C-alpha atoms as a PDB file:
ATOM      1  CA  UNK A   1      -0.168  -0.284  -0.114  1.00  0.00           C
ATOM      2  CA  UNK A   2       2.068   3.230  -1.135  1.00  0.00           C
ATOM      3  CA  UNK A   3       1.501   5.455   1.573  1.00  0.00           C
ATOM      4  CA  UNK A   4       0.554   9.875   1.650  1.00  0.00           C
ATOM      5  CA  UNK A   5       4.265  10.105   2.022  1.00  0.00           C
ATOM      6  CA  UNK A   6       5.224   7.927  -0.722  1.00  0.00           C
ATOM      7  CA  UNK A   7       2.008   9.636  -3.164  1.00  0.00           C
ATOM      8  CA  UNK A   8       3.543  13.639  -2.542  1.00  0.00           C
ATOM      9  CA  UNK A   9       7.110  12.096  -3.076  1.00  0.00           C
ATOM     10  CA  UNK A  10       5.759  11.342  -6.494  1.00  0.00           C
ATOM     11  CA  UNK A  11       4.588  14.823  -7.359  1.00  0.00           C
ATOM     12  CA  UNK A  12       7.257  15.706  -9.502  1.00  0.00           C
ATOM     13  CA  UNK A  13       8.396  12.690 -11.051  1.00  0.00           C
ATOM     14  CA  UNK A  14       4.852  12.086 -12.321  1.00  0.00           C
ATOM     15  CA  UNK A  15       4.163  15.550 -13.087  1.00  0.00           C
ATOM     16  CA  UNK A  16       6.652  15.667 -16.004  1.00  0.00           C
ATOM     17  CA  UNK A  17       5.384  11.833 -17.088  1.00  0.00           C
ATOM     18  CA  UNK A  18       2.107  13.683 -17.704  1.00  0.00           C
ATOM     19  CA  UNK A  19       3.235  16.943 -19.525  1.00  0.00           C
ATOM     20  CA  UNK A  20       5.869  14.566 -21.686  1.00  0.00           C
ATOM     21  CA  UNK A  21       2.456  12.733 -22.920  1.00  0.00           C
ATOM     22  CA  UNK A  22       0.819  16.418 -22.922  1.00  0.00           C
ATOM     23  CA  UNK A  23       2.631  17.792 -25.378  1.00  0.00           C
ATOM     24  CA  UNK A  24       2.624  14.426 -27.460  1.00  0.00           C
ATOM     25  CA  UNK A  25      -0.851  14.256 -27.093  1.00  0.00           C
ATOM     26  CA  UNK A  26      -1.475  18.134 -27.412  1.00  0.00           C
ATOM     27  CA  UNK A  27       1.334  18.389 -30.646  1.00  0.00           C
ATOM     28  CA  UNK A  28      -0.189  16.924 -32.711  1.00  0.00           C
ATOM     29  CA  UNK A  29      -3.882  16.868 -32.081  1.00  0.00           C
ATOM     30  CA  UNK A  30      -4.462  20.398 -30.692  1.00  0.00           C
ATOM     31  CA  UNK A  31      -5.833  21.694 -27.577  1.00  0.00           C
ATOM     32  CA  UNK A  32      -9.952  20.685 -28.443  1.00  0.00           C
ATOM     33  CA  UNK A  33      -8.782  17.724 -30.154  1.00  0.00           C
ATOM     34  CA  UNK A  34      -5.966  16.351 -27.254  1.00  0.00           C
ATOM     35  CA  UNK A  35      -7.653  13.412 -24.990  1.00  0.00           C
ATOM     36  CA  UNK A  36      -7.050  13.947 -21.272  1.00  0.00           C
ATOM     37  CA  UNK A  37      -7.931  10.268 -21.127  1.00  0.00           C
ATOM     38  CA  UNK A  38      -5.149   8.928 -23.183  1.00  0.00           C
ATOM     39  CA  UNK A  39      -2.563  11.672 -21.611  1.00  0.00           C
ATOM     40  CA  UNK A  40      -3.138  10.561 -18.567  1.00  0.00           C
ATOM     41  CA  UNK A  41      -2.430   6.614 -19.695  1.00  0.00           C
ATOM     42  CA  UNK A  42       0.213   7.667 -21.520  1.00  0.00           C
ATOM     43  CA  UNK A  43       1.425   8.609 -18.710  1.00  0.00           C
ATOM     44  CA  UNK A  44       0.867   5.658 -15.949  1.00  0.00           C
ATOM     45  CA  UNK A  45      -1.597   7.969 -14.031  1.00  0.00           C
ATOM     46  CA  UNK A  46      -5.111   7.286 -13.624  1.00  0.00           C
ATOM     47  CA  UNK A  47      -7.667   9.955 -14.906  1.00  0.00           C
ATOM     48  CA  UNK A  48      -7.752  11.314 -11.648  1.00  0.00           C
ATOM     49  CA  UNK A  49      -4.983  11.508 -10.942  1.00  0.00           C
ATOM     50  CA  UNK A  50      -4.337  14.082 -14.006  1.00  0.00           C
ATOM     51  CA  UNK A  51      -6.390  16.048 -12.757  1.00  0.00           C
ATOM     52  CA  UNK A  52      -5.112  16.353  -9.215  1.00  0.00           C
ATOM     53  CA  UNK A  53      -2.038  17.618 -11.139  1.00  0.00           C
ATOM     54  CA  UNK A  54      -3.710  19.879 -13.413  1.00  0.00           C
ATOM     55  CA  UNK A  55      -7.381  20.854 -12.745  1.00  0.00           C
ATOM     56  CA  UNK A  56      -8.222  21.618 -16.212  1.00  0.00           C
ATOM     57  CA  UNK A  57      -7.200  20.731 -19.382  1.00  0.00           C
ATOM     58  CA  UNK A  58      -7.163  24.346 -20.590  1.00  0.00           C
ATOM     59  CA  UNK A  59      -4.516  24.696 -17.360  1.00  0.00           C
ATOM     60  CA  UNK A  60      -2.649  21.361 -18.588  1.00  0.00           C
ATOM     61  CA  UNK A  61      -2.367  22.852 -22.418  1.00  0.00           C
ATOM     62  CA  UNK A  62      -1.316  26.062 -20.526  1.00  0.00           C
ATOM     63  CA  UNK A  63       1.860  24.278 -18.553  1.00  0.00           C
ATOM     64  CA  UNK A  64       2.627  22.464 -22.136  1.00  0.00           C
ATOM     65  CA  UNK A  65       3.360  25.535 -23.784  1.00  0.00           C
ATOM     66  CA  UNK A  66       5.041  27.131 -20.828  1.00  0.00           C
ATOM     67  CA  UNK A  67       7.870  23.667 -20.539  1.00  0.00           C
ATOM     68  CA  UNK A  68       7.960  24.239 -24.106  1.00  0.00           C
ATOM     69  CA  UNK A  69       8.646  27.960 -24.308  1.00  0.00           C
ATOM     70  CA  UNK A  70      10.994  27.174 -21.420  1.00  0.00           C
ATOM     71  CA  UNK A  71      12.717  24.945 -23.475  1.00  0.00           C
ATOM     72  CA  UNK A  72      13.597  27.903 -26.258  1.00  0.00           C
ATOM     73  CA  UNK A  73      14.941  30.287 -23.830  1.00  0.00           C
ATOM     74  CA  UNK A  74      16.843  27.721 -22.328  1.00  0.00           C
ATOM     75  CA  UNK A  75      18.321  26.900 -25.390  1.00  0.00           C
ATOM     76  CA  UNK A  76      18.740  30.501 -26.678  1.00  0.00           C
ATOM     77  CA  UNK A  77      20.050  31.611 -23.366  1.00  0.00           C
ATOM     78  CA  UNK A  78      23.146  28.738 -22.979  1.00  0.00           C
ATOM     79  CA  UNK A  79      23.914  28.984 -26.614  1.00  0.00           C
ATOM     80  CA  UNK A  80      23.587  32.685 -26.103  1.00  0.00           C
ATOM     81  CA  UNK A  81      26.756  32.729 -22.837  1.00  0.00           C
ATOM     82  CA  UNK A  82      27.965  30.260 -25.814  1.00  0.00           C
ATOM     83  CA  UNK A  83      28.907  32.703 -28.475  1.00  0.00           C
ATOM     84  CA  UNK A  84      31.266  35.263 -27.291  1.00  0.00           C
ATOM     85  CA  UNK A  85      30.779  36.829 -30.697  1.00  0.00           C
ATOM     86  CA  UNK A  86      28.362  36.616 -33.220  1.00  0.00           C
ATOM     87  CA  UNK A  87      25.308  36.524 -30.661  1.00  0.00           C
ATOM     88  CA  UNK A  88      22.878  36.571 -34.518  1.00  0.00           C
ATOM     89  CA  UNK A  89      24.170  33.990 -36.097  1.00  0.00           C
ATOM     90  CA  UNK A  90      23.951  31.798 -32.670  1.00  0.00           C
ATOM     91  CA  UNK A  91      19.954  32.145 -32.319  1.00  0.00           C
ATOM     92  CA  UNK A  92      19.871  30.941 -36.234  1.00  0.00           C
ATOM     93  CA  UNK A  93      22.044  28.468 -35.147  1.00  0.00           C
ATOM     94  CA  UNK A  94      19.424  27.852 -31.874  1.00  0.00           C
ATOM     95  CA  UNK A  95      16.892  28.654 -33.475  1.00  0.00           C
ATOM     96  CA  UNK A  96      17.815  25.695 -36.558  1.00  0.00           C
ATOM     97  CA  UNK A  97      18.342  23.760 -33.503  1.00  0.00           C
ATOM     98  CA  UNK A  98      14.677  23.505 -32.202  1.00  0.00           C
ATOM     99  CA  UNK A  99      13.696  22.301 -35.925  1.00  0.00           C
ATOM    100  CA  UNK A 100      14.448  18.310 -34.310  1.00  0.00           C
ATOM    101  CA  UNK A 101      12.271  19.637 -31.695  1.00  0.00           C
ATOM    102  CA  UNK A 102       9.622  18.461 -33.941  1.00  0.00           C
ATOM    103  CA  UNK A 103       7.006  18.075 -30.827  1.00  0.00           C
ATOM    104  CA  UNK A 104       7.764  21.507 -29.950  1.00  0.00           C
ATOM    105  CA  UNK A 105       7.217  22.982 -32.286  1.00  0.00           C
ATOM    106  CA  UNK A 106       4.006  21.959 -33.444  1.00  0.00           C
ATOM    107  CA  UNK A 107       2.256  22.762 -30.149  1.00  0.00           C
ATOM    108  CA  UNK A 108       3.595  25.805 -31.072  1.00  0.00           C
ATOM    109  CA  UNK A 109       1.537  26.218 -33.883  1.00  0.00           C
ATOM    110  CA  UNK A 110      -1.165  24.617 -31.649  1.00  0.00           C
ATOM    111  CA  UNK A 111      -1.103  27.295 -29.371  1.00  0.00           C
ATOM    112  CA  UNK A 112      -1.457  29.898 -32.447  1.00  0.00           C
ATOM    113  CA  UNK A 113      -4.575  27.717 -33.557  1.00  0.00           C
ATOM    114  CA  UNK A 114      -5.870  27.647 -30.234  1.00  0.00           C
ATOM    115  CA  UNK A 115      -6.325  31.792 -29.572  1.00  0.00           C
ATOM    116  CA  UNK A 116      -9.565  32.093 -29.949  1.00  0.00           C
ATOM    117  CA  UNK A 117      -9.087  30.586 -26.078  1.00  0.00           C
ATOM    118  CA  UNK A 118      -8.574  34.762 -23.909  1.00  0.00           C
ATOM    119  CA  UNK A 119      -6.136  33.107 -22.081  1.00  0.00           C
ATOM    120  CA  UNK A 120      -4.461  30.885 -24.701  1.00  0.00           C
ATOM    121  CA  UNK A 121      -4.662  34.152 -26.763  1.00  0.00           C
ATOM    122  CA  UNK A 122      -2.912  36.652 -23.952  1.00  0.00           C
ATOM    123  CA  UNK A 123      -0.651  33.847 -23.176  1.00  0.00           C
ATOM    124  CA  UNK A 124       0.792  32.924 -26.793  1.00  0.00           C
ATOM    125  CA  UNK A 125       0.179  37.115 -27.577  1.00  0.00           C
ATOM    126  CA  UNK A 126       2.927  37.534 -24.322  1.00  0.00           C
ATOM    127  CA  UNK A 127       4.972  35.113 -25.592  1.00  0.00           C
ATOM    128  CA  UNK A 128       5.325  36.207 -29.187  1.00  0.00           C
ATOM    129  CA  UNK A 129       5.847  39.531 -27.536  1.00  0.00           C
ATOM    130  CA  UNK A 130       8.463  38.436 -25.794  1.00  0.00           C
ATOM    131  CA  UNK A 131      10.759  36.430 -28.128  1.00  0.00           C
ATOM    132  CA  UNK A 132       9.883  38.867 -31.353  1.00  0.00           C
ATOM    133  CA  UNK A 133      11.520  41.168 -28.942  1.00  0.00           C
ATOM    134  CA  UNK A 134      14.869  39.083 -27.995  1.00  0.00           C
ATOM    135  CA  UNK A 135      14.850  38.471 -32.049  1.00  0.00           C
ATOM    136  CA  UNK A 136      14.608  42.309 -32.741  1.00  0.00           C
ATOM    137  CA  UNK A 137      18.038  42.797 -30.006  1.00  0.00           C
ATOM    138  CA  UNK A 138      20.063  40.346 -31.253  1.00  0.00           C
ATOM    139  CA  UNK A 139      19.193  41.353 -34.946  1.00  0.00           C
ATOM    140  CA  UNK A 140      20.219  44.688 -33.029  1.00  0.00           C
ATOM    141  CA  UNK A 141      18.259  46.823 -36.122  1.00  0.00           C
ATOM    142  CA  UNK A 142      14.633  46.452 -35.603  1.00  0.00           C
ATOM    143  CA  UNK A 143      12.276  44.652 -37.574  1.00  0.00           C
ATOM    144  CA  UNK A 144      13.747  46.169 -40.913  1.00  0.00           C
ATOM    145  CA  UNK A 145      13.749  43.331 -43.932  1.00  0.00           C
ATOM    146  CA  UNK A 146      17.412  43.386 -43.869  1.00  0.00           C
ATOM    147  CA  UNK A 147      17.319  41.658 -40.363  1.00  0.00           C
ATOM    148  CA  UNK A 148      14.248  39.338 -39.983  1.00  0.00           C
ATOM    149  CA  UNK A 149      15.045  37.177 -37.802  1.00  0.00           C
ATOM    150  CA  UNK A 150      12.343  36.297 -36.774  1.00  0.00           C
ATOM    151  CA  UNK A 151      10.551  35.788 -39.257  1.00  0.00           C
ATOM    152  CA  UNK A 152      12.947  32.740 -40.242  1.00  0.00           C
ATOM    153  CA  UNK A 153      12.860  31.511 -36.670  1.00  0.00           C
ATOM    154  CA  UNK A 154       8.732  31.117 -37.622  1.00  0.00           C
ATOM    155  CA  UNK A 155      10.065  29.867 -40.878  1.00  0.00           C
ATOM    156  CA  UNK A 156      12.035  27.290 -39.262  1.00  0.00           C
ATOM    157  CA  UNK A 157       8.729  26.846 -37.054  1.00  0.00           C
ATOM    158  CA  UNK A 158       6.386  26.107 -40.038  1.00  0.00           C
ATOM    159  CA  UNK A 159       9.624  23.610 -41.799  1.00  0.00           C
ATOM    160  CA  UNK A 160       9.601  21.362 -38.724  1.00  0.00           C
ATOM    161  CA  UNK A 161       6.055  20.744 -38.789  1.00  0.00           C
ATOM    162  CA  UNK A 162       5.784  20.018 -41.866  1.00  0.00           C
ATOM    163  CA  UNK A 163       8.775  17.498 -41.159  1.00  0.00           C
ATOM    164  CA  UNK A 164      10.584  19.302 -44.762  1.00  0.00           C
ATOM    165  CA  UNK A 165      13.908  18.079 -42.739  1.00  0.00           C
ATOM    166  CA  UNK A 166      13.355  14.360 -43.771  1.00  0.00           C
ATOM    167  CA  UNK A 167      11.929  15.705 -47.362  1.00  0.00           C
ATOM    168  CA  UNK A 168      15.072  17.930 -48.441  1.00  0.00           C
ATOM    169  CA  UNK A 169      16.641  15.056 -50.630  1.00  0.00           C
ATOM    170  CA  UNK A 170      13.926  14.324 -52.299  1.00  0.00           C
ATOM    171  CA  UNK A 171      11.680  17.253 -53.071  1.00  0.00           C
ATOM    172  CA  UNK A 172      14.410  20.062 -53.984  1.00  0.00           C
ATOM    173  CA  UNK A 173      11.544  22.982 -53.806  1.00  0.00           C
ATOM    174  CA  UNK A 174      12.563  22.367 -49.902  1.00  0.00           C
ATOM    175  CA  UNK A 175      16.276  21.267 -49.433  1.00  0.00           C
ATOM    176  CA  UNK A 176      16.178  25.153 -50.893  1.00  0.00           C
ATOM    177  CA  UNK A 177      13.664  26.912 -48.504  1.00  0.00           C
ATOM    178  CA  UNK A 178      16.007  24.819 -45.494  1.00  0.00           C
ATOM    179  CA  UNK A 179      19.233  26.466 -47.399  1.00  0.00           C
ATOM    180  CA  UNK A 180      18.115  29.724 -47.735  1.00  0.00           C
ATOM    181  CA  UNK A 181      19.499  32.675 -46.257  1.00  0.00           C
ATOM    182  CA  UNK A 182      16.800  34.927 -44.840  1.00  0.00           C
ATOM    183  CA  UNK A 183      19.434  37.656 -43.604  1.00  0.00           C
ATOM    184  CA  UNK A 184      22.413  37.948 -43.558  1.00  0.00           C
ATOM    185  CA  UNK A 185      24.055  35.504 -41.446  1.00  0.00           C
ATOM    186  CA  UNK A 186      24.772  31.756 -42.992  1.00  0.00           C
ATOM    187  CA  UNK A 187      22.247  29.449 -42.241  1.00  0.00           C
ATOM    188  CA  UNK A 188      24.089  26.110 -41.225  1.00  0.00           C
ATOM    189  CA  UNK A 189      23.200  22.688 -41.844  1.00  0.00           C
ATOM    190  CA  UNK A 190      21.367  20.485 -39.620  1.00  0.00           C
END
């Protein structure tokens, strides 16, 4: 029999298991299409257990979005500290590497798709504003056309969602898109 103390000790790992399962479910099916029953089963939790951790489906979706935002910010911050030089090139390289985390990119698109919900809209709006500001600062040229870093990041997000890197070899247009230069920096190979 599991004691109350043992259950409390399982909270953080259980929360992480639920978030991992929710990332998979929501990234592929969206906020409205994602099933909390499936998330609970995948996480090895009961359905009521899921709702003890996240009281509503929306709170779970927002928590997964927050985790995605934190992952992106952490990767940008680590690369920025290690850069020592061309911070703009580092940002492009990091965003390009994030393409390999396809579920993360799909989740961002699902977040935008769920913006009819005011809470999700507000959070996506804040993250987009903050991310655009960070990209603007890195580019040191505002939103000028010669430094479209934010647009490049969004292009990479869409390319990841479409899994273009897996198709680039067989489809010339996909290869050209992934190899294109959207600014005065070199687009790195992945």
